Amino acid sequence: MESQKAPSAGYAEVHVVAASPEVARQVAEVLRRSFASTEQRSYPVSGEGGTRLELTVDTTRAAEPARSWLESSRWNGHADRESRQG
């Protein structure tokens, strides 16, 4: 596997491998509804007939549904854990 450098803080590189280009595009569309993203790049999967799609998402510019989920899923440290154990 080739080595890649990590994206800038707040960004995530997303790689989707799907049986068809349409399925890969559907996954990318869901991500775009949640996060700002770059233009997708797609490539054939050699010998398998599938599609590999790549895009970069900006998690600092989340749309409302993703922002709500991200904020509610953040761990607040030991105080949060202790209140659940009590």
N, C-alpha and C. Protein backbone atom coordinates (compact mmCIF):
# COMPACT_ATOMS: atom_id res chain seq x y z
N MET A 1 0.85 -1.18 0.00
CA MET A 1 0.00 0.00 0.00
C MET A 1 0.89 1.24 0.00
N GLU A 2 0.55 2.21 -0.79
CA GLU A 2 1.37 3.42 -0.85
C GLU A 2 1.12 4.32 0.34
N SER A 3 2.18 4.99 0.77
CA SER A 3 2.10 5.86 1.94
C SER A 3 1.52 7.21 1.53
N GLN A 4 0.58 7.72 2.32
CA GLN A 4 0.00 9.03 2.08
C GLN A 4 0.19 9.88 3.31
N LYS A 5 0.39 11.18 3.09
CA LYS A 5 0.48 12.07 4.24
C LYS A 5 -0.93 12.38 4.73
N ALA A 6 -1.02 12.64 6.01
CA ALA A 6 -2.32 12.94 6.63
C ALA A 6 -2.84 14.28 6.11
N PRO A 7 -4.15 14.41 5.97
CA PRO A 7 -4.72 15.69 5.55
C PRO A 7 -4.57 16.73 6.65
N SER A 8 -4.80 17.97 6.32
CA SER A 8 -4.75 19.06 7.29
C SER A 8 -5.76 18.83 8.40
N ALA A 9 -5.53 19.45 9.54
CA ALA A 9 -6.45 19.34 10.68
C ALA A 9 -7.86 19.72 10.26
N GLY A 10 -8.83 18.93 10.66
CA GLY A 10 -10.22 19.20 10.34
C GLY A 10 -10.69 18.59 9.03
N TYR A 11 -9.79 17.97 8.28
CA TYR A 11 -10.14 17.36 7.01
C TYR A 11 -9.98 15.85 7.09
N ALA A 12 -10.73 15.13 6.27
CA ALA A 12 -10.62 13.68 6.19
C ALA A 12 -10.64 13.26 4.73
N GLU A 13 -9.73 12.38 4.37
CA GLU A 13 -9.72 11.78 3.04
C GLU A 13 -10.65 10.57 3.08
N VAL A 14 -11.59 10.50 2.15
CA VAL A 14 -12.55 9.40 2.13
C VAL A 14 -12.36 8.63 0.82
N HIS A 15 -12.25 7.31 0.95
CA HIS A 15 -12.10 6.43 -0.20
C HIS A 15 -13.25 5.43 -0.17
N VAL A 16 -14.02 5.39 -1.25
CA VAL A 16 -15.16 4.49 -1.36
C VAL A 16 -14.88 3.52 -2.50
N VAL A 17 -15.05 2.25 -2.24
CA VAL A 17 -14.96 1.24 -3.30
C VAL A 17 -16.33 0.59 -3.39
N ALA A 18 -16.92 0.63 -4.59
CA ALA A 18 -18.27 0.12 -4.78
C ALA A 18 -18.35 -0.71 -6.05
N ALA A 19 -19.40 -1.51 -6.16
CA ALA A 19 -19.59 -2.37 -7.32
C ALA A 19 -19.90 -1.56 -8.59
N SER A 20 -20.47 -0.36 -8.41
CA SER A 20 -20.82 0.45 -9.58
C SER A 20 -20.55 1.93 -9.31
N PRO A 21 -20.36 2.71 -10.36
CA PRO A 21 -20.16 4.15 -10.18
C PRO A 21 -21.35 4.82 -9.49
N GLU A 22 -22.57 4.35 -9.77
CA GLU A 22 -23.76 4.96 -9.17
C GLU A 22 -23.78 4.78 -7.66
N VAL A 23 -23.43 3.61 -7.19
CA VAL A 23 -23.40 3.36 -5.75
C VAL A 23 -22.36 4.26 -5.09
N ALA A 24 -21.19 4.38 -5.68
CA ALA A 24 -20.13 5.25 -5.14
C ALA A 24 -20.60 6.70 -5.10
N ARG A 25 -21.29 7.15 -6.15
CA ARG A 25 -21.80 8.53 -6.18
C ARG A 25 -22.85 8.77 -5.10
N GLN A 26 -23.68 7.77 -4.83
CA GLN A 26 -24.70 7.91 -3.79
C GLN A 26 -24.05 8.11 -2.42
N VAL A 27 -23.00 7.37 -2.14
CA VAL A 27 -22.28 7.53 -0.87
C VAL A 27 -21.66 8.92 -0.79
N ALA A 28 -21.04 9.37 -1.88
CA ALA A 28 -20.44 10.71 -1.91
C ALA A 28 -21.49 11.79 -1.69
N GLU A 29 -22.68 11.61 -2.25
CA GLU A 29 -23.75 12.60 -2.09
C GLU A 29 -24.18 12.72 -0.63
N VAL A 30 -24.26 11.60 0.07
CA VAL A 30 -24.61 11.64 1.50
C VAL A 30 -23.55 12.42 2.27
N LEU A 31 -22.28 12.16 1.97
CA LEU A 31 -21.20 12.89 2.64
C LEU A 31 -21.27 14.38 2.34
N ARG A 32 -21.58 14.75 1.09
CA ARG A 32 -21.67 16.16 0.72
C ARG A 32 -22.82 16.87 1.41
N ARG A 33 -23.87 16.15 1.75
CA ARG A 33 -24.99 16.76 2.48
C ARG A 33 -24.61 17.06 3.92
N SER A 34 -23.59 16.35 4.41
CA SER A 34 -23.18 16.52 5.80
C SER A 34 -21.97 17.42 5.97
N PHE A 35 -21.07 17.42 4.99
CA PHE A 35 -19.81 18.17 5.11
C PHE A 35 -19.48 18.86 3.79
N ALA A 36 -18.78 19.99 3.91
CA ALA A 36 -18.21 20.61 2.72
C ALA A 36 -17.17 19.64 2.18
N SER A 37 -17.05 19.53 0.87
CA SER A 37 -16.10 18.57 0.32
C SER A 37 -15.53 19.05 -1.00
N THR A 38 -14.44 18.40 -1.40
CA THR A 38 -13.84 18.67 -2.69
C THR A 38 -14.61 17.92 -3.76
N GLU A 39 -14.30 18.19 -5.00
CA GLU A 39 -14.87 17.44 -6.11
C GLU A 39 -14.39 16.00 -6.01
N GLN A 40 -15.26 15.08 -6.23
CA GLN A 40 -14.87 13.67 -6.14
C GLN A 40 -14.03 13.27 -7.35
N ARG A 41 -13.17 12.29 -7.13
CA ARG A 41 -12.36 11.70 -8.19
C ARG A 41 -12.70 10.23 -8.23
N SER A 42 -12.97 9.69 -9.40
CA SER A 42 -13.30 8.27 -9.46
C SER A 42 -12.39 7.55 -10.44
N TYR A 43 -12.15 6.29 -10.13
CA TYR A 43 -11.24 5.44 -10.90
C TYR A 43 -11.83 4.05 -10.98
N PRO A 44 -11.59 3.34 -12.09
CA PRO A 44 -12.04 1.95 -12.13
C PRO A 44 -11.21 1.09 -11.19
N VAL A 45 -11.83 0.07 -10.62
CA VAL A 45 -11.11 -0.89 -9.81
C VAL A 45 -10.61 -1.96 -10.78
N SER A 46 -9.31 -2.08 -10.89
CA SER A 46 -8.72 -2.95 -11.91
C SER A 46 -9.20 -4.38 -11.82
N GLY A 47 -9.70 -4.88 -12.94
CA GLY A 47 -10.08 -6.27 -13.08
C GLY A 47 -11.34 -6.70 -12.34
N GLU A 48 -11.93 -5.83 -11.54
CA GLU A 48 -13.10 -6.24 -10.75
C GLU A 48 -14.40 -5.60 -11.24
N GLY A 49 -14.32 -4.63 -12.12
CA GLY A 49 -15.51 -3.98 -12.64
C GLY A 49 -16.14 -2.98 -11.71
N GLY A 50 -15.52 -2.67 -10.59
CA GLY A 50 -16.07 -1.71 -9.64
C GLY A 50 -15.50 -0.32 -9.84
N THR A 51 -15.79 0.56 -8.91
CA THR A 51 -15.35 1.95 -8.95
C THR A 51 -14.75 2.33 -7.62
N ARG A 52 -13.64 3.05 -7.66
CA ARG A 52 -13.05 3.64 -6.46
C ARG A 52 -13.26 5.14 -6.56
N LEU A 53 -13.83 5.72 -5.53
CA LEU A 53 -14.11 7.16 -5.50
C LEU A 53 -13.37 7.77 -4.33
N GLU A 54 -12.77 8.92 -4.53
CA GLU A 54 -12.02 9.61 -3.48
C GLU A 54 -12.50 11.05 -3.39
N LEU A 55 -12.61 11.55 -2.17
CA LEU A 55 -12.91 12.96 -1.95
C LEU A 55 -12.39 13.36 -0.58
N THR A 56 -12.25 14.65 -0.38
CA THR A 56 -11.80 15.20 0.89
C THR A 56 -12.96 15.96 1.51
N VAL A 57 -13.26 15.66 2.78
CA VAL A 57 -14.33 16.38 3.47
C VAL A 57 -13.74 17.30 4.53
N ASP A 58 -14.38 18.43 4.72
CA ASP A 58 -13.98 19.43 5.71
C ASP A 58 -14.91 19.29 6.91
N THR A 59 -14.43 18.65 7.96
CA THR A 59 -15.27 18.42 9.14
C THR A 59 -15.50 19.67 9.97
N THR A 60 -14.77 20.75 9.67
CA THR A 60 -14.99 22.00 10.39
C THR A 60 -16.17 22.77 9.81
N ARG A 61 -16.65 22.37 8.65
CA ARG A 61 -17.78 23.03 8.01
C ARG A 61 -18.90 22.02 7.80
N ALA A 62 -19.37 21.46 8.89
CA ALA A 62 -20.42 20.44 8.83
C ALA A 62 -21.78 21.09 8.65
N ALA A 63 -22.62 20.42 7.90
CA ALA A 63 -24.01 20.84 7.75
C ALA A 63 -24.74 20.52 9.06
N GLU A 64 -25.92 21.03 9.25
CA GLU A 64 -26.62 20.89 10.53
C GLU A 64 -26.80 19.45 11.01
N PRO A 65 -27.27 18.51 10.19
CA PRO A 65 -27.44 17.15 10.72
C PRO A 65 -26.12 16.56 11.24
N ALA A 66 -25.04 16.76 10.51
CA ALA A 66 -23.74 16.23 10.96
C ALA A 66 -23.23 16.99 12.16
N ARG A 67 -23.43 18.30 12.19
CA ARG A 67 -22.96 19.10 13.32
C ARG A 67 -23.62 18.64 14.61
N SER A 68 -24.93 18.41 14.57
CA SER A 68 -25.65 17.95 15.76
C SER A 68 -25.12 16.61 16.23
N TRP A 69 -24.91 15.69 15.28
CA TRP A 69 -24.40 14.37 15.64
C TRP A 69 -22.98 14.46 16.20
N LEU A 70 -22.13 15.25 15.56
CA LEU A 70 -20.74 15.38 16.02
C LEU A 70 -20.68 15.98 17.42
N GLU A 71 -21.46 17.02 17.66
CA GLU A 71 -21.44 17.67 18.98
C GLU A 71 -21.98 16.74 20.06
N SER A 72 -23.00 15.97 19.77
CA SER A 72 -23.56 15.09 20.78
C SER A 72 -22.70 13.86 21.02
N SER A 73 -21.82 13.53 20.08
CA SER A 73 -21.00 12.33 20.23
C SER A 73 -19.62 12.61 20.83
N ARG A 74 -19.29 13.88 21.04
CA ARG A 74 -17.98 14.22 21.61
C ARG A 74 -17.91 13.78 23.07
N TRP A 75 -16.79 13.20 23.45
CA TRP A 75 -16.57 12.76 24.82
C TRP A 75 -16.06 13.95 25.62
N ASN A 76 -16.62 14.20 26.79
CA ASN A 76 -16.28 15.38 27.59
C ASN A 76 -15.29 15.08 28.70
N GLY A 77 -14.63 13.96 28.65
CA GLY A 77 -13.63 13.65 29.67
C GLY A 77 -14.19 12.79 30.78
N HIS A 78 -13.46 12.71 31.88
CA HIS A 78 -13.80 11.83 32.98
C HIS A 78 -15.12 12.20 33.65
N ALA A 79 -15.45 13.47 33.73
CA ALA A 79 -16.69 13.89 34.39
C ALA A 79 -17.90 13.25 33.69
N ASP A 80 -17.86 13.19 32.36
CA ASP A 80 -18.95 12.58 31.61
C ASP A 80 -19.03 11.09 31.92
N ARG A 81 -17.90 10.43 31.96
CA ARG A 81 -17.88 9.00 32.24
C ARG A 81 -18.37 8.72 33.65
N GLU A 82 -17.94 9.53 34.63
CA GLU A 82 -18.32 9.31 36.03
C GLU A 82 -19.81 9.49 36.23
N SER A 83 -20.43 10.44 35.52
CA SER A 83 -21.86 10.67 35.70
C SER A 83 -22.67 9.49 35.17
N ARG A 84 -22.15 8.74 34.20
CA ARG A 84 -22.84 7.58 33.67
C ARG A 84 -22.70 6.38 34.60
N GLN A 85 -21.61 6.32 35.36
CA GLN A 85 -21.38 5.19 36.22
C GLN A 85 -22.15 5.29 37.54
N GLY A 86 -22.47 6.51 37.93
CA GLY A 86 -23.07 6.79 39.21
C GLY A 86 -24.36 6.14 39.43
